[in-house]
Amino acid sequence: MNAIAPGPVETAILHVLSDDWRARKRSELPIGRFGETHEIAPAAVFLASEDASYMVGATIHVNGGDVMA
């Protein structure tokens, strides 16, 4: 099984978090902004394609440089 590990993405769920949290998190990201859904989708398309047929147990980190522990 493969997985996509997105960083913070500009969706409605981010707007339930405080402005302070969003500003702090944005400043921590090397890319300096939250992702957009259209930037995550290609990873899903790739994993669903024949091009990924030999990938097993992979995690694709589409996260703008956010380090995930």
N, C-alpha and C. Protein backbone atom coordinates (compact mmCIF):
# COMPACT_ATOMS: atom_id res chain seq x y z
N MET A 1 0.84 -1.18 0.00
CA MET A 1 0.00 0.00 0.00
C MET A 1 0.89 1.24 0.00
N ASN A 2 0.52 2.22 -0.79
CA ASN A 2 1.23 3.48 -0.86
C ASN A 2 0.39 4.57 -0.21
N ALA A 3 1.01 5.70 0.08
CA ALA A 3 0.30 6.78 0.75
C ALA A 3 0.80 8.13 0.28
N ILE A 4 -0.03 9.13 0.47
CA ILE A 4 0.33 10.52 0.24
C ILE A 4 0.28 11.21 1.60
N ALA A 5 1.35 11.91 1.95
CA ALA A 5 1.42 12.63 3.23
C ALA A 5 1.47 14.13 2.92
N PRO A 6 0.30 14.75 2.80
CA PRO A 6 0.31 16.18 2.47
C PRO A 6 0.64 17.03 3.69
N GLY A 7 1.22 18.17 3.42
CA GLY A 7 1.39 19.17 4.46
C GLY A 7 0.09 19.95 4.58
N PRO A 8 0.10 21.08 5.25
CA PRO A 8 -1.11 21.87 5.37
C PRO A 8 -1.55 22.38 4.00
N VAL A 9 -2.82 22.14 3.70
CA VAL A 9 -3.39 22.51 2.40
C VAL A 9 -4.50 23.53 2.62
N GLU A 10 -4.54 24.52 1.77
CA GLU A 10 -5.52 25.60 1.86
C GLU A 10 -6.92 25.07 1.55
N THR A 11 -7.56 24.57 2.61
CA THR A 11 -8.94 24.07 2.53
C THR A 11 -9.72 24.65 3.70
N ALA A 12 -10.99 24.39 3.72
CA ALA A 12 -11.86 24.94 4.77
C ALA A 12 -11.40 24.54 6.17
N ILE A 13 -10.81 23.38 6.31
CA ILE A 13 -10.41 22.92 7.64
C ILE A 13 -9.34 23.83 8.26
N LEU A 14 -8.49 24.45 7.44
CA LEU A 14 -7.49 25.37 7.99
C LEU A 14 -8.14 26.60 8.61
N HIS A 15 -9.30 26.96 8.14
CA HIS A 15 -9.94 28.18 8.62
C HIS A 15 -10.63 28.02 9.97
N VAL A 16 -10.69 26.80 10.49
CA VAL A 16 -11.19 26.62 11.85
C VAL A 16 -10.07 26.83 12.86
N LEU A 17 -8.84 26.87 12.37
CA LEU A 17 -7.68 27.12 13.23
C LEU A 17 -7.48 28.63 13.36
N SER A 18 -6.84 29.03 14.43
CA SER A 18 -6.67 30.46 14.70
C SER A 18 -5.76 31.12 13.66
N ASP A 19 -5.96 32.41 13.49
CA ASP A 19 -5.09 33.19 12.60
C ASP A 19 -3.64 33.08 13.06
N ASP A 20 -3.44 33.08 14.38
CA ASP A 20 -2.10 32.99 14.93
C ASP A 20 -1.45 31.66 14.55
N TRP A 21 -2.18 30.56 14.68
CA TRP A 21 -1.64 29.25 14.32
C TRP A 21 -1.27 29.22 12.85
N ARG A 22 -2.18 29.70 12.00
CA ARG A 22 -1.93 29.68 10.56
C ARG A 22 -0.70 30.52 10.21
N ALA A 23 -0.57 31.69 10.80
CA ALA A 23 0.59 32.55 10.52
C ALA A 23 1.88 31.89 10.99
N ARG A 24 1.85 31.30 12.16
CA ARG A 24 3.04 30.63 12.70
C ARG A 24 3.43 29.44 11.82
N LYS A 25 2.44 28.63 11.44
CA LYS A 25 2.72 27.46 10.61
C LYS A 25 3.24 27.88 9.24
N ARG A 26 2.62 28.88 8.65
CA ARG A 26 3.06 29.37 7.33
C ARG A 26 4.53 29.82 7.40
N SER A 27 4.90 30.49 8.49
CA SER A 27 6.27 30.97 8.62
C SER A 27 7.27 29.83 8.81
N GLU A 28 6.81 28.67 9.25
CA GLU A 28 7.68 27.50 9.44
C GLU A 28 7.95 26.75 8.13
N LEU A 29 7.11 26.96 7.14
CA LEU A 29 7.23 26.21 5.89
C LEU A 29 8.30 26.83 5.00
N PRO A 30 9.26 26.04 4.55
CA PRO A 30 10.30 26.58 3.67
C PRO A 30 9.73 27.26 2.42
N ILE A 31 8.62 26.77 1.92
CA ILE A 31 8.02 27.36 0.72
C ILE A 31 7.22 28.63 1.05
N GLY A 32 6.92 28.83 2.36
CA GLY A 32 6.29 30.06 2.81
C GLY A 32 4.81 30.20 2.57
N ARG A 33 4.15 29.11 2.24
CA ARG A 33 2.70 29.16 2.00
C ARG A 33 2.11 27.78 2.18
N PHE A 34 0.79 27.74 2.32
CA PHE A 34 0.09 26.46 2.38
C PHE A 34 -0.09 25.93 0.95
N GLY A 35 -0.22 24.63 0.85
CA GLY A 35 -0.43 24.02 -0.45
C GLY A 35 -1.84 24.27 -0.96
N GLU A 36 -2.03 23.95 -2.21
CA GLU A 36 -3.34 24.01 -2.86
C GLU A 36 -3.71 22.59 -3.27
N THR A 37 -5.01 22.32 -3.32
CA THR A 37 -5.45 20.96 -3.64
C THR A 37 -4.92 20.49 -4.99
N HIS A 38 -4.82 21.39 -5.95
CA HIS A 38 -4.34 20.99 -7.28
C HIS A 38 -2.87 20.56 -7.25
N GLU A 39 -2.16 20.88 -6.16
CA GLU A 39 -0.77 20.46 -6.04
C GLU A 39 -0.65 19.07 -5.42
N ILE A 40 -1.68 18.61 -4.76
CA ILE A 40 -1.68 17.28 -4.14
C ILE A 40 -2.19 16.23 -5.13
N ALA A 41 -3.16 16.61 -5.93
CA ALA A 41 -3.83 15.68 -6.85
C ALA A 41 -2.88 14.90 -7.77
N PRO A 42 -1.83 15.52 -8.33
CA PRO A 42 -0.96 14.74 -9.22
C PRO A 42 -0.31 13.53 -8.55
N ALA A 43 -0.04 13.63 -7.26
CA ALA A 43 0.53 12.48 -6.55
C ALA A 43 -0.47 11.32 -6.52
N ALA A 44 -1.74 11.64 -6.32
CA ALA A 44 -2.78 10.60 -6.31
C ALA A 44 -2.94 9.99 -7.69
N VAL A 45 -2.92 10.82 -8.70
CA VAL A 45 -3.04 10.32 -10.08
C VAL A 45 -1.86 9.41 -10.40
N PHE A 46 -0.67 9.83 -10.01
CA PHE A 46 0.51 9.00 -10.25
C PHE A 46 0.38 7.65 -9.56
N LEU A 47 0.02 7.64 -8.27
CA LEU A 47 -0.08 6.37 -7.55
C LEU A 47 -1.16 5.46 -8.13
N ALA A 48 -2.17 6.05 -8.75
CA ALA A 48 -3.24 5.25 -9.36
C ALA A 48 -2.88 4.78 -10.76
N SER A 49 -1.77 5.25 -11.28
CA SER A 49 -1.40 4.94 -12.66
C SER A 49 -0.51 3.70 -12.75
N GLU A 50 -0.38 3.23 -13.97
CA GLU A 50 0.51 2.10 -14.25
C GLU A 50 1.97 2.47 -13.97
N ASP A 51 2.30 3.75 -14.06
CA ASP A 51 3.67 4.19 -13.80
C ASP A 51 4.12 3.88 -12.38
N ALA A 52 3.19 3.71 -11.47
CA ALA A 52 3.53 3.41 -10.08
C ALA A 52 3.36 1.92 -9.75
N SER A 53 3.24 1.10 -10.78
CA SER A 53 2.94 -0.32 -10.55
C SER A 53 4.02 -1.05 -9.74
N TYR A 54 5.24 -0.55 -9.73
CA TYR A 54 6.31 -1.23 -9.00
C TYR A 54 6.57 -0.58 -7.64
N MET A 55 5.81 0.43 -7.30
CA MET A 55 5.97 1.08 -5.99
C MET A 55 5.13 0.34 -4.96
N VAL A 56 5.77 -0.05 -3.89
CA VAL A 56 5.07 -0.74 -2.81
C VAL A 56 5.55 -0.16 -1.48
N GLY A 57 4.63 0.26 -0.65
CA GLY A 57 4.97 0.76 0.66
C GLY A 57 5.60 2.14 0.66
N ALA A 58 5.36 2.90 -0.40
CA ALA A 58 5.96 4.23 -0.51
C ALA A 58 5.03 5.31 0.05
N THR A 59 5.63 6.32 0.60
CA THR A 59 4.88 7.50 1.03
C THR A 59 5.44 8.69 0.26
N ILE A 60 4.56 9.39 -0.43
CA ILE A 60 4.96 10.58 -1.17
C ILE A 60 4.61 11.79 -0.31
N HIS A 61 5.62 12.56 0.02
CA HIS A 61 5.45 13.73 0.88
C HIS A 61 5.27 14.97 0.00
N VAL A 62 4.04 15.43 -0.09
CA VAL A 62 3.72 16.65 -0.84
C VAL A 62 3.39 17.68 0.22
N ASN A 63 4.42 18.32 0.76
CA ASN A 63 4.21 19.07 1.99
C ASN A 63 4.91 20.44 2.06
N GLY A 64 5.42 20.94 0.97
CA GLY A 64 6.05 22.26 1.00
C GLY A 64 7.24 22.37 1.92
N GLY A 65 7.83 21.23 2.25
CA GLY A 65 9.00 21.23 3.12
C GLY A 65 8.67 21.02 4.59
N ASP A 66 7.40 20.82 4.91
CA ASP A 66 7.01 20.54 6.29
C ASP A 66 7.55 19.17 6.67
N VAL A 67 8.33 19.10 7.73
CA VAL A 67 8.92 17.83 8.15
C VAL A 67 7.91 17.07 8.99
N MET A 68 7.68 15.83 8.61
CA MET A 68 6.74 15.00 9.35
C MET A 68 7.50 13.94 10.13
N ALA A 69 7.26 13.88 11.42
CA ALA A 69 7.95 12.89 12.25
C ALA A 69 7.09 11.68 12.45
